[in-house]
Amino acid sequence: MGFFSWMTQDTNKSIANCYSGSAFTVFMLDDKGNIWEESNYNGYGMFGGKDFYELLAEMNGQTDREDGIKLYFDNDESSVKYPNLVEYIDNWQWQNKKPDECPHQGHFYE
């Protein structure tokens, strides 16, 4: 399986993985105010020890990472709560908006 990534929701930057040489700190937050900080993204959905898809599932009353993947790719966005992914956490308020996928997978920029 290849890398996967998203665009930050505040700066619209590709969340670069640690193998790209361009990694930067990203914050993932939920609708309850919990924050996970990741400064060395590995390219597989983990932010501060928390899996993006697992959190997505939990925010929507599920428990399984696979449920989170299905929610992200298969459901009507209007009925799903999404984690936020941002570069700058100061003054950021959680928004129920699906993070855009990174077309470069956080690595393949050239």
PDB file of N, CA and C in Angstrom:
ATOM      1  N   MET A   1       0.836  -1.179   0.000  1.00  0.00           N
ATOM      2  CA  MET A   1       0.000   0.000   0.000  1.00  0.00           C
ATOM      3  C   MET A   1       0.877   1.237   0.000  1.00  0.00           C
ATOM      4  N   GLY A   2       0.480   2.248  -0.774  1.00  0.00           N
ATOM      5  CA  GLY A   2       1.259   3.471  -0.856  1.00  0.00           C
ATOM      6  C   GLY A   2       0.930   4.444   0.254  1.00  0.00           C
ATOM      7  N   PHE A   3       1.660   5.557   0.249  1.00  0.00           N
ATOM      8  CA  PHE A   3       1.393   6.623   1.207  1.00  0.00           C
ATOM      9  C   PHE A   3       0.027   7.236   0.933  1.00  0.00           C
ATOM     10  N   PHE A   4      -0.527   7.889   1.942  1.00  0.00           N
ATOM     11  CA  PHE A   4      -1.700   8.723   1.728  1.00  0.00           C
ATOM     12  C   PHE A   4      -1.610   9.927   2.644  1.00  0.00           C
ATOM     13  N   SER A   5      -2.266  10.995   2.215  1.00  0.00           N
ATOM     14  CA  SER A   5      -2.195  12.231   2.973  1.00  0.00           C
ATOM     15  C   SER A   5      -3.361  13.134   2.608  1.00  0.00           C
ATOM     16  N   TRP A   6      -3.391  14.287   3.253  1.00  0.00           N
ATOM     17  CA  TRP A   6      -4.450  15.270   3.057  1.00  0.00           C
ATOM     18  C   TRP A   6      -3.822  16.643   2.909  1.00  0.00           C
ATOM     19  N   MET A   7      -4.676  17.616   2.649  1.00  0.00           N
ATOM     20  CA  MET A   7      -4.279  19.017   2.623  1.00  0.00           C
ATOM     21  C   MET A   7      -4.681  19.629   3.970  1.00  0.00           C
ATOM     22  N   THR A   8      -3.830  20.511   4.512  1.00  0.00           N
ATOM     23  CA  THR A   8      -4.215  21.188   5.748  1.00  0.00           C
ATOM     24  C   THR A   8      -5.425  22.069   5.463  1.00  0.00           C
ATOM     25  N   GLN A   9      -6.291  22.173   6.434  1.00  0.00           N
ATOM     26  CA  GLN A   9      -7.536  22.909   6.231  1.00  0.00           C
ATOM     27  C   GLN A   9      -7.404  24.403   6.493  1.00  0.00           C
ATOM     28  N   ASP A  10      -6.293  24.823   7.082  1.00  0.00           N
ATOM     29  CA  ASP A  10      -6.092  26.255   7.322  1.00  0.00           C
ATOM     30  C   ASP A  10      -5.173  26.890   6.286  1.00  0.00           C
ATOM     31  N   THR A  11      -4.166  26.165   5.806  1.00  0.00           N
ATOM     32  CA  THR A  11      -3.203  26.734   4.857  1.00  0.00           C
ATOM     33  C   THR A  11      -3.230  26.056   3.491  1.00  0.00           C
ATOM     34  N   ASN A  12      -4.015  25.003   3.357  1.00  0.00           N
ATOM     35  CA  ASN A  12      -4.135  24.251   2.102  1.00  0.00           C
ATOM     36  C   ASN A  12      -2.786  23.716   1.612  1.00  0.00           C
ATOM     37  N   LYS A  13      -1.922  23.312   2.553  1.00  0.00           N
ATOM     38  CA  LYS A  13      -0.632  22.712   2.217  1.00  0.00           C
ATOM     39  C   LYS A  13      -0.735  21.196   2.284  1.00  0.00           C
ATOM     40  N   SER A  14      -0.009  20.536   1.407  1.00  0.00           N
ATOM     41  CA  SER A  14       0.091  19.084   1.454  1.00  0.00           C
ATOM     42  C   SER A  14       0.770  18.673   2.757  1.00  0.00           C
ATOM     43  N   ILE A  15       0.170  17.728   3.464  1.00  0.00           N
ATOM     44  CA  ILE A  15       0.793  17.205   4.682  1.00  0.00           C
ATOM     45  C   ILE A  15       1.875  16.228   4.238  1.00  0.00           C
ATOM     46  N   ALA A  16       3.099  16.741   4.205  1.00  0.00           N
ATOM     47  CA  ALA A  16       4.238  15.977   3.705  1.00  0.00           C
ATOM     48  C   ALA A  16       4.653  14.921   4.720  1.00  0.00           C
ATOM     49  N   ASN A  17       5.022  13.747   4.215  1.00  0.00           N
ATOM     50  CA  ASN A  17       5.478  12.710   5.140  1.00  0.00           C
ATOM     51  C   ASN A  17       6.976  12.834   5.391  1.00  0.00           C
ATOM     52  N   CYS A  18       7.446  12.121   6.390  1.00  0.00           N
ATOM     53  CA  CYS A  18       8.832  12.227   6.828  1.00  0.00           C
ATOM     54  C   CYS A  18       9.833  11.770   5.769  1.00  0.00           C
ATOM     55  N   TYR A  19       9.399  10.959   4.819  1.00  0.00           N
ATOM     56  CA  TYR A  19      10.298  10.457   3.777  1.00  0.00           C
ATOM     57  C   TYR A  19      10.481  11.460   2.645  1.00  0.00           C
ATOM     58  N   SER A  20       9.659  12.485   2.603  1.00  0.00           N
ATOM     59  CA  SER A  20       9.740  13.495   1.545  1.00  0.00           C
ATOM     60  C   SER A  20      10.805  14.544   1.842  1.00  0.00           C
ATOM     61  N   GLY A  21      11.235  14.631   3.101  1.00  0.00           N
ATOM     62  CA  GLY A  21      12.179  15.662   3.500  1.00  0.00           C
ATOM     63  C   GLY A  21      11.515  17.006   3.748  1.00  0.00           C
ATOM     64  N   SER A  22      10.197  17.052   3.708  1.00  0.00           N
ATOM     65  CA  SER A  22       9.466  18.313   3.863  1.00  0.00           C
ATOM     66  C   SER A  22       8.429  18.278   4.983  1.00  0.00           C
ATOM     67  N   ALA A  23       8.557  17.342   5.901  1.00  0.00           N
ATOM     68  CA  ALA A  23       7.563  17.207   6.975  1.00  0.00           C
ATOM     69  C   ALA A  23       7.525  18.464   7.840  1.00  0.00           C
ATOM     70  N   PHE A  24       6.350  18.785   8.336  1.00  0.00           N
ATOM     71  CA  PHE A  24       6.160  19.909   9.246  1.00  0.00           C
ATOM     72  C   PHE A  24       5.102  19.503  10.270  1.00  0.00           C
ATOM     73  N   THR A  25       4.976  20.266  11.316  1.00  0.00           N
ATOM     74  CA  THR A  25       4.033  19.928  12.381  1.00  0.00           C
ATOM     75  C   THR A  25       2.595  20.151  11.924  1.00  0.00           C
ATOM     76  N   VAL A  26       1.768  19.150  12.193  1.00  0.00           N
ATOM     77  CA  VAL A  26       0.343  19.193  11.856  1.00  0.00           C
ATOM     78  C   VAL A  26      -0.438  18.811  13.110  1.00  0.00           C
ATOM     79  N   PHE A  27      -1.578  19.431  13.272  1.00  0.00           N
ATOM     80  CA  PHE A  27      -2.464  19.133  14.394  1.00  0.00           C
ATOM     81  C   PHE A  27      -3.749  18.512  13.869  1.00  0.00           C
ATOM     82  N   MET A  28      -4.186  17.445  14.526  1.00  0.00           N
ATOM     83  CA  MET A  28      -5.473  16.832  14.223  1.00  0.00           C
ATOM     84  C   MET A  28      -6.367  17.082  15.429  1.00  0.00           C
ATOM     85  N   LEU A  29      -7.592  17.539  15.188  1.00  0.00           N
ATOM     86  CA  LEU A  29      -8.496  17.783  16.296  1.00  0.00           C
ATOM     87  C   LEU A  29      -9.889  17.269  16.005  1.00  0.00           C
ATOM     88  N   ASP A  30     -10.579  16.942  17.083  1.00  0.00           N
ATOM     89  CA  ASP A  30     -11.950  16.445  16.955  1.00  0.00           C
ATOM     90  C   ASP A  30     -12.943  17.499  17.426  1.00  0.00           C
ATOM     91  N   ASP A  31     -14.195  17.160  17.372  1.00  0.00           N
ATOM     92  CA  ASP A  31     -15.267  18.086  17.730  1.00  0.00           C
ATOM     93  C   ASP A  31     -15.405  18.292  19.236  1.00  0.00           C
ATOM     94  N   LYS A  32     -14.669  17.540  20.034  1.00  0.00           N
ATOM     95  CA  LYS A  32     -14.732  17.667  21.492  1.00  0.00           C
ATOM     96  C   LYS A  32     -13.567  18.487  22.054  1.00  0.00           C
ATOM     97  N   GLY A  33     -12.682  18.971  21.181  1.00  0.00           N
ATOM     98  CA  GLY A  33     -11.554  19.784  21.618  1.00  0.00           C
ATOM     99  C   GLY A  33     -10.270  19.023  21.859  1.00  0.00           C
ATOM    100  N   ASN A  34     -10.247  17.717  21.591  1.00  0.00           N
ATOM    101  CA  ASN A  34      -9.015  16.936  21.720  1.00  0.00           C
ATOM    102  C   ASN A  34      -8.088  17.265  20.560  1.00  0.00           C
ATOM    103  N   ILE A  35      -6.788  17.320  20.852  1.00  0.00           N
ATOM    104  CA  ILE A  35      -5.792  17.696  19.850  1.00  0.00           C
ATOM    105  C   ILE A  35      -4.655  16.681  19.869  1.00  0.00           C
ATOM    106  N   TRP A  36      -4.232  16.258  18.674  1.00  0.00           N
ATOM    107  CA  TRP A  36      -3.080  15.385  18.504  1.00  0.00           C
ATOM    108  C   TRP A  36      -2.071  16.131  17.647  1.00  0.00           C
ATOM    109  N   GLU A  37      -0.830  16.195  18.115  1.00  0.00           N
ATOM    110  CA  GLU A  37       0.233  16.912  17.412  1.00  0.00           C
ATOM    111  C   GLU A  37       1.179  15.912  16.761  1.00  0.00           C
ATOM    112  N   GLU A  38       1.493  16.152  15.491  1.00  0.00           N
ATOM    113  CA  GLU A  38       2.407  15.270  14.762  1.00  0.00           C
ATOM    114  C   GLU A  38       3.443  16.111  14.027  1.00  0.00           C
ATOM    115  N   SER A  39       4.722  15.906  14.340  1.00  0.00           N
ATOM    116  CA  SER A  39       5.781  16.667  13.677  1.00  0.00           C
ATOM    117  C   SER A  39       6.568  15.834  12.671  1.00  0.00           C
ATOM    118  N   ASN A  40       6.264  14.542  12.576  1.00  0.00           N
ATOM    119  CA  ASN A  40       7.016  13.658  11.684  1.00  0.00           C
ATOM    120  C   ASN A  40       6.060  12.644  11.053  1.00  0.00           C
ATOM    121  N   TYR A  41       5.093  13.131  10.276  1.00  0.00           N
ATOM    122  CA  TYR A  41       4.043  12.295   9.700  1.00  0.00           C
ATOM    123  C   TYR A  41       4.642  11.146   8.893  1.00  0.00           C
ATOM    124  N   ASN A  42       4.178   9.914   9.158  1.00  0.00           N
ATOM    125  CA  ASN A  42       4.770   8.733   8.513  1.00  0.00           C
ATOM    126  C   ASN A  42       4.128   8.360   7.184  1.00  0.00           C
ATOM    127  N   GLY A  43       3.042   9.031   6.813  1.00  0.00           N
ATOM    128  CA  GLY A  43       2.414   8.754   5.524  1.00  0.00           C
ATOM    129  C   GLY A  43       1.286   7.750   5.571  1.00  0.00           C
ATOM    130  N   TYR A  44       0.901   7.323   6.780  1.00  0.00           N
ATOM    131  CA  TYR A  44      -0.121   6.280   6.895  1.00  0.00           C
ATOM    132  C   TYR A  44      -1.277   6.642   7.833  1.00  0.00           C
ATOM    133  N   GLY A  45      -1.512   7.931   8.053  1.00  0.00           N
ATOM    134  CA  GLY A  45      -2.703   8.363   8.769  1.00  0.00           C
ATOM    135  C   GLY A  45      -2.590   8.540  10.269  1.00  0.00           C
ATOM    136  N   MET A  46      -1.387   8.402  10.836  1.00  0.00           N
ATOM    137  CA  MET A  46      -1.208   8.545  12.286  1.00  0.00           C
ATOM    138  C   MET A  46      -0.743   9.962  12.627  1.00  0.00           C
ATOM    139  N   PHE A  47      -1.462  10.586  13.561  1.00  0.00           N
ATOM    140  CA  PHE A  47      -1.118  11.923  14.031  1.00  0.00           C
ATOM    141  C   PHE A  47      -1.056  11.886  15.548  1.00  0.00           C
ATOM    142  N   GLY A  48       0.134  12.098  16.093  1.00  0.00           N
ATOM    143  CA  GLY A  48       0.291  12.084  17.547  1.00  0.00           C
ATOM    144  C   GLY A  48      -0.147  10.781  18.179  1.00  0.00           C
ATOM    145  N   GLY A  49       0.032   9.674  17.477  1.00  0.00           N
ATOM    146  CA  GLY A  49      -0.335   8.355  17.984  1.00  0.00           C
ATOM    147  C   GLY A  49      -1.790   7.972  17.761  1.00  0.00           C
ATOM    148  N   LYS A  50      -2.551   8.827  17.085  1.00  0.00           N
ATOM    149  CA  LYS A  50      -3.970   8.553  16.830  1.00  0.00           C
ATOM    150  C   LYS A  50      -4.196   8.434  15.329  1.00  0.00           C
ATOM    151  N   ASP A  51      -4.872   7.367  14.934  1.00  0.00           N
ATOM    152  CA  ASP A  51      -5.164   7.116  13.528  1.00  0.00           C
ATOM    153  C   ASP A  51      -6.342   7.987  13.065  1.00  0.00           C
ATOM    154  N   PHE A  52      -6.171   8.679  11.946  1.00  0.00           N
ATOM    155  CA  PHE A  52      -7.216   9.552  11.405  1.00  0.00           C
ATOM    156  C   PHE A  52      -8.527   8.802  11.204  1.00  0.00           C
ATOM    157  N   TYR A  53      -8.469   7.639  10.570  1.00  0.00           N
ATOM    158  CA  TYR A  53      -9.696   6.902  10.266  1.00  0.00           C
ATOM    159  C   TYR A  53     -10.349   6.321  11.519  1.00  0.00           C
ATOM    160  N   GLU A  54      -9.545   5.952  12.495  1.00  0.00           N
ATOM    161  CA  GLU A  54     -10.095   5.482  13.768  1.00  0.00           C
ATOM    162  C   GLU A  54     -10.837   6.621  14.473  1.00  0.00           C
ATOM    163  N   LEU A  55     -10.231   7.813  14.474  1.00  0.00           N
ATOM    164  CA  LEU A  55     -10.887   8.972  15.078  1.00  0.00           C
ATOM    165  C   LEU A  55     -12.169   9.319  14.326  1.00  0.00           C
ATOM    166  N   LEU A  56     -12.130   9.267  13.015  1.00  0.00           N
ATOM    167  CA  LEU A  56     -13.327   9.523  12.213  1.00  0.00           C
ATOM    168  C   LEU A  56     -14.445   8.562  12.609  1.00  0.00           C
ATOM    169  N   ALA A  57     -14.110   7.291  12.748  1.00  0.00           N
ATOM    170  CA  ALA A  57     -15.103   6.299  13.174  1.00  0.00           C
ATOM    171  C   ALA A  57     -15.654   6.646  14.555  1.00  0.00           C
ATOM    172  N   GLU A  58     -14.768   6.948  15.500  1.00  0.00           N
ATOM    173  CA  GLU A  58     -15.194   7.266  16.868  1.00  0.00           C
ATOM    174  C   GLU A  58     -16.093   8.499  16.912  1.00  0.00           C
ATOM    175  N   MET A  59     -15.781   9.507  16.117  1.00  0.00           N
ATOM    176  CA  MET A  59     -16.586  10.727  16.091  1.00  0.00           C
ATOM    177  C   MET A  59     -17.995  10.464  15.568  1.00  0.00           C
ATOM    178  N   ASN A  60     -18.167   9.333  14.901  1.00  0.00           N
ATOM    179  CA  ASN A  60     -19.455   8.999  14.306  1.00  0.00           C
ATOM    180  C   ASN A  60     -20.083   7.750  14.919  1.00  0.00           C
ATOM    181  N   GLY A  61     -19.697   7.461  16.173  1.00  0.00           N
ATOM    182  CA  GLY A  61     -20.322   6.374  16.913  1.00  0.00           C
ATOM    183  C   GLY A  61     -19.880   4.983  16.517  1.00  0.00           C
ATOM    184  N   GLN A  62     -18.770   4.881  15.797  1.00  0.00           N
ATOM    185  CA  GLN A  62     -18.208   3.593  15.393  1.00  0.00           C
ATOM    186  C   GLN A  62     -16.929   3.358  16.198  1.00  0.00           C
ATOM    187  N   THR A  63     -16.319   2.210  16.035  1.00  0.00           N
ATOM    188  CA  THR A  63     -15.089   1.927  16.775  1.00  0.00           C
ATOM    189  C   THR A  63     -13.950   1.427  15.905  1.00  0.00           C
ATOM    190  N   ASP A  64     -14.227   0.963  14.728  1.00  0.00           N
ATOM    191  CA  ASP A  64     -13.254   0.276  13.887  1.00  0.00           C
ATOM    192  C   ASP A  64     -12.680   1.209  12.817  1.00  0.00           C
ATOM    193  N   ARG A  65     -11.368   1.130  12.607  1.00  0.00           N
ATOM    194  CA  ARG A  65     -10.701   1.924  11.575  1.00  0.00           C
ATOM    195  C   ARG A  65     -11.345   1.709  10.210  1.00  0.00           C
ATOM    196  N   GLU A  66     -11.706   0.476   9.907  1.00  0.00           N
ATOM    197  CA  GLU A  66     -12.353   0.176   8.622  1.00  0.00           C
ATOM    198  C   GLU A  66     -13.662   0.944   8.472  1.00  0.00           C
ATOM    199  N   ASP A  67     -14.393   1.113   9.576  1.00  0.00           N
ATOM    200  CA  ASP A  67     -15.614   1.918   9.542  1.00  0.00           C
ATOM    201  C   ASP A  67     -15.287   3.362   9.169  1.00  0.00           C
ATOM    202  N   GLY A  68     -14.183   3.877   9.704  1.00  0.00           N
ATOM    203  CA  GLY A  68     -13.754   5.235   9.384  1.00  0.00           C
ATOM    204  C   GLY A  68     -13.408   5.394   7.918  1.00  0.00           C
ATOM    205  N   ILE A  69     -12.748   4.396   7.354  1.00  0.00           N
ATOM    206  CA  ILE A  69     -12.411   4.437   5.926  1.00  0.00           C
ATOM    207  C   ILE A  69     -13.687   4.467   5.098  1.00  0.00           C
ATOM    208  N   LYS A  70     -14.647   3.639   5.457  1.00  0.00           N
ATOM    209  CA  LYS A  70     -15.928   3.627   4.733  1.00  0.00           C
ATOM    210  C   LYS A  70     -16.636   4.969   4.853  1.00  0.00           C
ATOM    211  N   LEU A  71     -16.630   5.542   6.046  1.00  0.00           N
ATOM    212  CA  LEU A  71     -17.262   6.847   6.238  1.00  0.00           C
ATOM    213  C   LEU A  71     -16.614   7.908   5.352  1.00  0.00           C
ATOM    214  N   TYR A  72     -15.287   7.882   5.267  1.00  0.00           N
ATOM    215  CA  TYR A  72     -14.576   8.896   4.484  1.00  0.00           C
ATOM    216  C   TYR A  72     -14.883   8.773   2.994  1.00  0.00           C
ATOM    217  N   PHE A  73     -14.917   7.547   2.490  1.00  0.00           N
ATOM    218  CA  PHE A  73     -15.029   7.353   1.047  1.00  0.00           C
ATOM    219  C   PHE A  73     -16.433   7.044   0.542  1.00  0.00           C
ATOM    220  N   ASP A  74     -17.324   6.545   1.390  1.00  0.00           N
ATOM    221  CA  ASP A  74     -18.601   6.033   0.896  1.00  0.00           C
ATOM    222  C   ASP A  74     -19.837   6.826   1.292  1.00  0.00           C
ATOM    223  N   ASN A  75     -19.754   7.719   2.255  1.00  0.00           N
ATOM    224  CA  ASN A  75     -20.972   8.324   2.788  1.00  0.00           C
ATOM    225  C   ASN A  75     -21.229   9.726   2.272  1.00  0.00           C
ATOM    226  N   ASP A  76     -22.471  10.128   2.441  1.00  0.00           N
ATOM    227  CA  ASP A  76     -22.883  11.501   2.198  1.00  0.00           C
ATOM    228  C   ASP A  76     -22.186  12.376   3.235  1.00  0.00           C
ATOM    229  N   GLU A  77     -21.401  13.346   2.778  1.00  0.00           N
ATOM    230  CA  GLU A  77     -20.615  14.177   3.684  1.00  0.00           C
ATOM    231  C   GLU A  77     -21.460  14.928   4.705  1.00  0.00           C
ATOM    232  N   SER A  78     -22.690  15.237   4.375  1.00  0.00           N
ATOM    233  CA  SER A  78     -23.515  16.044   5.277  1.00  0.00           C
ATOM    234  C   SER A  78     -23.889  15.303   6.561  1.00  0.00           C
ATOM    235  N   SER A  79     -23.764  13.988   6.568  1.00  0.00           N
ATOM    236  CA  SER A  79     -24.153  13.217   7.752  1.00  0.00           C
ATOM    237  C   SER A  79     -22.960  12.718   8.563  1.00  0.00           C
ATOM    238  N   VAL A  80     -21.752  13.166   8.239  1.00  0.00           N
ATOM    239  CA  VAL A  80     -20.531  12.660   8.872  1.00  0.00           C
ATOM    240  C   VAL A  80     -19.792  13.802   9.567  1.00  0.00           C
ATOM    241  N   LYS A  81     -19.271  13.548  10.776  1.00  0.00           N
ATOM    242  CA  LYS A  81     -18.380  14.477  11.468  1.00  0.00           C
ATOM    243  C   LYS A  81     -16.949  14.103  11.106  1.00  0.00           C
ATOM    244  N   TYR A  82     -16.134  15.098  10.766  1.00  0.00           N
ATOM    245  CA  TYR A  82     -14.760  14.853  10.330  1.00  0.00           C
ATOM    246  C   TYR A  82     -13.738  15.470  11.276  1.00  0.00           C
ATOM    247  N   PRO A  83     -12.602  14.778  11.511  1.00  0.00           N
ATOM    248  CA  PRO A  83     -11.483  15.412  12.201  1.00  0.00           C
ATOM    249  C   PRO A  83     -10.943  16.552  11.335  1.00  0.00           C
ATOM    250  N   ASN A  84     -10.357  17.540  11.967  1.00  0.00           N
ATOM    251  CA  ASN A  84      -9.697  18.625  11.251  1.00  0.00           C
ATOM    252  C   ASN A  84      -8.201  18.379  11.261  1.00  0.00           C
ATOM    253  N   LEU A  85      -7.530  18.820  10.199  1.00  0.00           N
ATOM    254  CA  LEU A  85      -6.082  18.732  10.067  1.00  0.00           C
ATOM    255  C   LEU A  85      -5.572  20.128   9.733  1.00  0.00           C
ATOM    256  N   VAL A  86      -4.799  20.715  10.651  1.00  0.00           N
ATOM    257  CA  VAL A  86      -4.350  22.093  10.473  1.00  0.00           C
ATOM    258  C   VAL A  86      -2.863  22.232  10.780  1.00  0.00           C
ATOM    259  N   GLU A  87      -2.261  23.248  10.171  1.00  0.00           N
ATOM    260  CA  GLU A  87      -0.859  23.555  10.433  1.00  0.00           C
ATOM    261  C   GLU A  87      -0.714  24.435  11.679  1.00  0.00           C
ATOM    262  N   TYR A  88      -1.635  25.347  11.861  1.00  0.00           N
ATOM    263  CA  TYR A  88      -1.579  26.282  12.988  1.00  0.00           C
ATOM    264  C   TYR A  88      -2.818  26.106  13.859  1.00  0.00           C
ATOM    265  N   ILE A  89      -2.619  25.705  15.096  1.00  0.00           N
ATOM    266  CA  ILE A  89      -3.740  25.404  15.987  1.00  0.00           C
ATOM    267  C   ILE A  89      -4.283  26.648  16.695  1.00  0.00           C
ATOM    268  N   ASP A  90      -3.441  27.669  16.874  1.00  0.00           N
ATOM    269  CA  ASP A  90      -3.885  28.881  17.571  1.00  0.00           C
ATOM    270  C   ASP A  90      -5.086  29.491  16.866  1.00  0.00           C
ATOM    271  N   ASN A  91      -6.124  29.749  17.622  1.00  0.00           N
ATOM    272  CA  ASN A  91      -7.361  30.374  17.135  1.00  0.00           C
ATOM    273  C   ASN A  91      -8.163  29.518  16.166  1.00  0.00           C
ATOM    274  N   TRP A  92      -7.759  28.281  15.939  1.00  0.00           N
ATOM    275  CA  TRP A  92      -8.544  27.416  15.041  1.00  0.00           C
ATOM    276  C   TRP A  92      -9.723  26.838  15.814  1.00  0.00           C
ATOM    277  N   GLN A  93     -10.878  26.901  15.241  1.00  0.00           N
ATOM    278  CA  GLN A  93     -12.083  26.296  15.797  1.00  0.00           C
ATOM    279  C   GLN A  93     -12.477  25.132  14.903  1.00  0.00           C
ATOM    280  N   TRP A  94     -12.787  23.984  15.511  1.00  0.00           N
ATOM    281  CA  TRP A  94     -13.189  22.811  14.735  1.00  0.00           C
ATOM    282  C   TRP A  94     -14.336  23.170  13.798  1.00  0.00           C
ATOM    283  N   GLN A  95     -14.221  22.690  12.561  1.00  0.00           N
ATOM    284  CA  GLN A  95     -15.252  22.879  11.545  1.00  0.00           C
ATOM    285  C   GLN A  95     -15.629  21.514  10.999  1.00  0.00           C
ATOM    286  N   ASN A  96     -16.881  21.297  10.755  1.00  0.00           N
ATOM    287  CA  ASN A  96     -17.286  20.010  10.196  1.00  0.00           C
ATOM    288  C   ASN A  96     -17.140  20.044   8.678  1.00  0.00           C
ATOM    289  N   LYS A  97     -15.894  19.842   8.252  1.00  0.00           N
ATOM    290  CA  LYS A  97     -15.567  19.842   6.835  1.00  0.00           C
ATOM    291  C   LYS A  97     -14.596  18.696   6.570  1.00  0.00           C
ATOM    292  N   LYS A  98     -14.867  17.953   5.540  1.00  0.00           N
ATOM    293  CA  LYS A  98     -14.014  16.821   5.161  1.00  0.00           C
ATOM    294  C   LYS A  98     -12.672  17.340   4.643  1.00  0.00           C
ATOM    295  N   PRO A  99     -11.549  16.892   5.218  1.00  0.00           N
ATOM    296  CA  PRO A  99     -10.245  17.300   4.693  1.00  0.00           C
ATOM    297  C   PRO A  99     -10.045  16.746   3.278  1.00  0.00           C
ATOM    298  N   ASP A 100      -9.506  17.576   2.401  1.00  0.00           N
ATOM    299  CA  ASP A 100      -9.227  17.138   1.034  1.00  0.00           C
ATOM    300  C   ASP A 100      -8.026  16.207   1.013  1.00  0.00           C
ATOM    301  N   GLU A 101      -8.090  15.217   0.150  1.00  0.00           N
ATOM    302  CA  GLU A 101      -6.953  14.317  -0.041  1.00  0.00           C
ATOM    303  C   GLU A 101      -5.833  15.058  -0.762  1.00  0.00           C
ATOM    304  N   CYS A 102      -4.598  14.694  -0.460  1.00  0.00           N
ATOM    305  CA  CYS A 102      -3.445  15.259  -1.150  1.00  0.00           C
ATOM    306  C   CYS A 102      -3.195  14.464  -2.426  1.00  0.00           C
ATOM    307  N   PRO A 103      -3.177  15.118  -3.587  1.00  0.00           N
ATOM    308  CA  PRO A 103      -2.947  14.395  -4.837  1.00  0.00           C
ATOM    309  C   PRO A 103      -1.529  13.830  -4.961  1.00  0.00           C
ATOM    310  N   HIS A 104      -0.613  14.311  -4.115  1.00  0.00           N
ATOM    311  CA  HIS A 104       0.789  13.867  -4.164  1.00  0.00           C
ATOM    312  C   HIS A 104       1.107  12.821  -3.103  1.00  0.00           C
ATOM    313  N   GLN A 105       0.105  12.390  -2.362  1.00  0.00           N
ATOM    314  CA  GLN A 105       0.259  11.388  -1.299  1.00  0.00           C
ATOM    315  C   GLN A 105       1.236  11.835  -0.210  1.00  0.00           C
ATOM    316  N   GLY A 106       1.458  13.142  -0.101  1.00  0.00           N
ATOM    317  CA  GLY A 106       2.369  13.659   0.911  1.00  0.00           C
ATOM    318  C   GLY A 106       3.826  13.354   0.635  1.00  0.00           C
ATOM    319  N   HIS A 107       4.130  12.965  -0.606  1.00  0.00           N
ATOM    320  CA  HIS A 107       5.504  12.563  -0.909  1.00  0.00           C
ATOM    321  C   HIS A 107       5.942  12.852  -2.343  1.00  0.00           C
ATOM    322  N   PHE A 108       5.141  12.522  -3.311  1.00  0.00           N
ATOM    323  CA  PHE A 108       5.551  12.539  -4.722  1.00  0.00           C
ATOM    324  C   PHE A 108       5.257  13.896  -5.355  1.00  0.00           C
ATOM    325  N   TYR A 109       6.120  14.884  -5.066  1.00  0.00           N
ATOM    326  CA  TYR A 109       5.885  16.258  -5.491  1.00  0.00           C
ATOM    327  C   TYR A 109       6.460  16.587  -6.862  1.00  0.00           C
ATOM    328  N   GLU A 110       7.334  15.777  -7.382  1.00  0.00           N
ATOM    329  CA  GLU A 110       7.938  16.086  -8.691  1.00  0.00           C
ATOM    330  C   GLU A 110       7.547  15.070  -9.718  1.00  0.00           C
TER     331      GLU A 110
END
